[in-house]
Amino acid sequence: MFLARDKNNDLYLFNELPQRGSECWWAETGIDGTYLRLENSLFAEVTWEGEPVPAALSSFARGSA
């Protein structure tokens, strides 16, 4: 998974390495389910000028967090 931020500051989590377009990042497959929009205030270090950042999800057992 990868985090990437579009030129308009929207932040996305991609299932695969996205490609840079003229104003946004896009997944090669380009279908629903390949990305998830996240809250813009998260991960300020991810910028349009930078490259996608590798990311991973973790789950916690109920009551352990």
N, C-alpha and C. Protein backbone atom coordinates (compact mmCIF):
# COMPACT_ATOMS: atom_id res chain seq x y z
N MET A 1 0.84 -1.18 0.00
CA MET A 1 0.00 0.00 0.00
C MET A 1 0.89 1.24 0.00
N PHE A 2 0.30 2.34 -0.49
CA PHE A 2 1.05 3.59 -0.61
C PHE A 2 0.16 4.78 -0.29
N LEU A 3 0.75 5.78 0.36
CA LEU A 3 0.08 7.06 0.59
C LEU A 3 0.56 8.04 -0.46
N ALA A 4 -0.35 8.82 -1.03
CA ALA A 4 0.02 9.86 -1.99
C ALA A 4 -0.97 11.01 -1.88
N ARG A 5 -0.47 12.22 -2.12
CA ARG A 5 -1.30 13.41 -2.02
C ARG A 5 -1.39 14.08 -3.39
N ASP A 6 -2.62 14.39 -3.80
CA ASP A 6 -2.85 15.07 -5.08
C ASP A 6 -2.43 16.53 -4.99
N LYS A 7 -2.35 17.17 -6.15
CA LYS A 7 -1.96 18.58 -6.22
C LYS A 7 -2.92 19.47 -5.44
N ASN A 8 -4.21 19.07 -5.35
CA ASN A 8 -5.21 19.87 -4.62
C ASN A 8 -5.22 19.55 -3.12
N ASN A 9 -4.24 18.76 -2.65
CA ASN A 9 -4.03 18.41 -1.24
C ASN A 9 -4.86 17.23 -0.76
N ASP A 10 -5.66 16.58 -1.61
CA ASP A 10 -6.39 15.38 -1.20
C ASP A 10 -5.39 14.26 -0.96
N LEU A 11 -5.62 13.49 0.09
CA LEU A 11 -4.73 12.41 0.49
C LEU A 11 -5.41 11.07 0.23
N TYR A 12 -4.67 10.11 -0.34
CA TYR A 12 -5.22 8.80 -0.68
C TYR A 12 -4.30 7.68 -0.23
N LEU A 13 -4.93 6.56 0.09
CA LEU A 13 -4.23 5.31 0.35
C LEU A 13 -4.50 4.42 -0.86
N PHE A 14 -3.44 4.00 -1.55
CA PHE A 14 -3.57 3.16 -2.73
C PHE A 14 -3.19 1.72 -2.42
N ASN A 15 -3.86 0.79 -3.03
CA ASN A 15 -3.58 -0.63 -2.87
C ASN A 15 -2.31 -1.02 -3.62
N GLU A 16 -1.96 -0.27 -4.67
CA GLU A 16 -0.76 -0.53 -5.46
C GLU A 16 -0.05 0.80 -5.71
N LEU A 17 1.20 0.74 -6.17
CA LEU A 17 1.97 1.95 -6.44
C LEU A 17 1.26 2.79 -7.50
N PRO A 18 0.86 4.03 -7.14
CA PRO A 18 0.15 4.87 -8.11
C PRO A 18 1.12 5.57 -9.06
N GLN A 19 0.58 6.05 -10.16
CA GLN A 19 1.34 6.81 -11.15
C GLN A 19 0.94 8.28 -11.05
N ARG A 20 1.92 9.18 -11.25
CA ARG A 20 1.63 10.61 -11.17
C ARG A 20 1.00 11.09 -12.48
N GLY A 21 -0.14 11.76 -12.37
CA GLY A 21 -0.76 12.41 -13.51
C GLY A 21 -0.40 13.88 -13.48
N SER A 22 -1.07 14.70 -14.25
CA SER A 22 -0.75 16.13 -14.28
C SER A 22 -1.18 16.84 -13.00
N GLU A 23 -2.23 16.33 -12.32
CA GLU A 23 -2.70 16.97 -11.09
C GLU A 23 -3.08 15.99 -10.01
N CYS A 24 -2.98 14.69 -10.30
CA CYS A 24 -3.37 13.70 -9.29
C CYS A 24 -2.63 12.39 -9.52
N TRP A 25 -2.68 11.54 -8.51
CA TRP A 25 -2.13 10.19 -8.60
C TRP A 25 -3.25 9.25 -9.02
N TRP A 26 -2.93 8.19 -9.74
CA TRP A 26 -3.94 7.23 -10.16
C TRP A 26 -3.36 5.83 -10.14
N ALA A 27 -4.23 4.88 -9.90
CA ALA A 27 -3.84 3.47 -9.87
C ALA A 27 -3.91 2.92 -11.29
N GLU A 28 -2.99 2.06 -11.61
CA GLU A 28 -2.93 1.47 -12.96
C GLU A 28 -4.25 0.83 -13.36
N THR A 29 -4.87 0.11 -12.43
CA THR A 29 -6.13 -0.56 -12.75
C THR A 29 -7.28 0.43 -12.86
N GLY A 30 -7.21 1.54 -12.11
CA GLY A 30 -8.17 2.61 -12.21
C GLY A 30 -9.61 2.25 -11.90
N ILE A 31 -9.83 1.26 -11.05
CA ILE A 31 -11.20 0.88 -10.70
C ILE A 31 -11.46 1.11 -9.23
N ASP A 32 -12.73 1.16 -8.86
CA ASP A 32 -13.09 1.33 -7.45
C ASP A 32 -12.46 0.22 -6.63
N GLY A 33 -12.06 0.56 -5.42
CA GLY A 33 -11.46 -0.42 -4.54
C GLY A 33 -9.94 -0.42 -4.58
N THR A 34 -9.34 0.37 -5.47
CA THR A 34 -7.89 0.42 -5.53
C THR A 34 -7.31 1.56 -4.70
N TYR A 35 -8.19 2.44 -4.20
CA TYR A 35 -7.73 3.56 -3.38
C TYR A 35 -8.82 3.97 -2.39
N LEU A 36 -8.38 4.69 -1.37
CA LEU A 36 -9.28 5.17 -0.33
C LEU A 36 -8.88 6.59 0.02
N ARG A 37 -9.83 7.52 -0.02
CA ARG A 37 -9.53 8.90 0.34
C ARG A 37 -9.45 9.00 1.87
N LEU A 38 -8.43 9.71 2.35
CA LEU A 38 -8.21 9.89 3.78
C LEU A 38 -8.39 11.35 4.16
N GLU A 39 -8.49 11.60 5.45
CA GLU A 39 -8.59 12.96 5.98
C GLU A 39 -7.32 13.74 5.60
N ASN A 40 -7.50 14.92 5.00
CA ASN A 40 -6.36 15.72 4.52
C ASN A 40 -5.36 16.10 5.59
N SER A 41 -5.80 16.21 6.84
CA SER A 41 -4.90 16.65 7.90
C SER A 41 -3.91 15.57 8.33
N LEU A 42 -4.13 14.33 7.90
CA LEU A 42 -3.22 13.24 8.26
C LEU A 42 -1.96 13.27 7.40
N PHE A 43 -0.87 12.80 7.95
CA PHE A 43 0.38 12.60 7.21
C PHE A 43 0.84 13.84 6.45
N ALA A 44 1.05 14.92 7.17
CA ALA A 44 1.49 16.18 6.56
C ALA A 44 2.80 16.03 5.79
N GLU A 45 3.59 15.01 6.14
CA GLU A 45 4.86 14.80 5.44
C GLU A 45 4.69 14.27 4.01
N VAL A 46 3.48 13.80 3.68
CA VAL A 46 3.20 13.33 2.32
C VAL A 46 2.74 14.54 1.51
N THR A 47 3.49 14.87 0.47
CA THR A 47 3.20 16.06 -0.34
C THR A 47 3.09 15.69 -1.81
N TRP A 48 2.46 16.57 -2.58
CA TRP A 48 2.35 16.39 -4.03
C TRP A 48 3.75 16.34 -4.67
N GLU A 49 4.64 17.14 -4.16
CA GLU A 49 5.98 17.22 -4.74
C GLU A 49 6.79 15.94 -4.50
N GLY A 50 6.44 15.18 -3.48
CA GLY A 50 7.17 13.97 -3.14
C GLY A 50 6.64 12.76 -3.90
N GLU A 51 7.25 11.63 -3.61
CA GLU A 51 6.83 10.36 -4.20
C GLU A 51 5.86 9.65 -3.24
N PRO A 52 5.10 8.67 -3.72
CA PRO A 52 4.24 7.89 -2.83
C PRO A 52 5.05 7.25 -1.70
N VAL A 53 4.45 7.18 -0.52
CA VAL A 53 5.12 6.65 0.66
C VAL A 53 4.55 5.26 0.97
N PRO A 54 5.41 4.25 1.09
CA PRO A 54 4.91 2.92 1.46
C PRO A 54 4.17 2.97 2.80
N ALA A 55 3.10 2.22 2.91
CA ALA A 55 2.28 2.21 4.12
C ALA A 55 1.79 0.79 4.39
N ALA A 56 1.42 0.54 5.64
CA ALA A 56 0.86 -0.76 6.04
C ALA A 56 -0.25 -0.50 7.04
N LEU A 57 -1.21 -1.39 7.06
CA LEU A 57 -2.29 -1.32 8.03
C LEU A 57 -2.07 -2.39 9.09
N SER A 58 -2.43 -2.06 10.32
CA SER A 58 -2.35 -3.01 11.42
C SER A 58 -3.72 -3.09 12.07
N SER A 59 -4.07 -4.25 12.55
CA SER A 59 -5.32 -4.38 13.29
C SER A 59 -4.98 -4.76 14.72
N PHE A 60 -5.84 -4.38 15.62
CA PHE A 60 -5.67 -4.66 17.03
C PHE A 60 -6.85 -5.48 17.51
N ALA A 61 -6.57 -6.42 18.36
CA ALA A 61 -7.66 -7.19 18.94
C ALA A 61 -8.50 -6.27 19.82
N ARG A 62 -9.78 -6.48 19.84
CA ARG A 62 -10.69 -5.65 20.63
C ARG A 62 -10.23 -5.62 22.09
N GLY A 63 -10.14 -4.41 22.62
CA GLY A 63 -9.75 -4.23 24.02
C GLY A 63 -8.26 -4.10 24.25
N SER A 64 -7.44 -4.20 23.18
CA SER A 64 -6.00 -4.11 23.38
C SER A 64 -5.46 -2.74 23.03
N ALA A 65 -6.24 -1.87 22.41
CA ALA A 65 -5.74 -0.57 21.99
C ALA A 65 -5.94 0.47 23.06
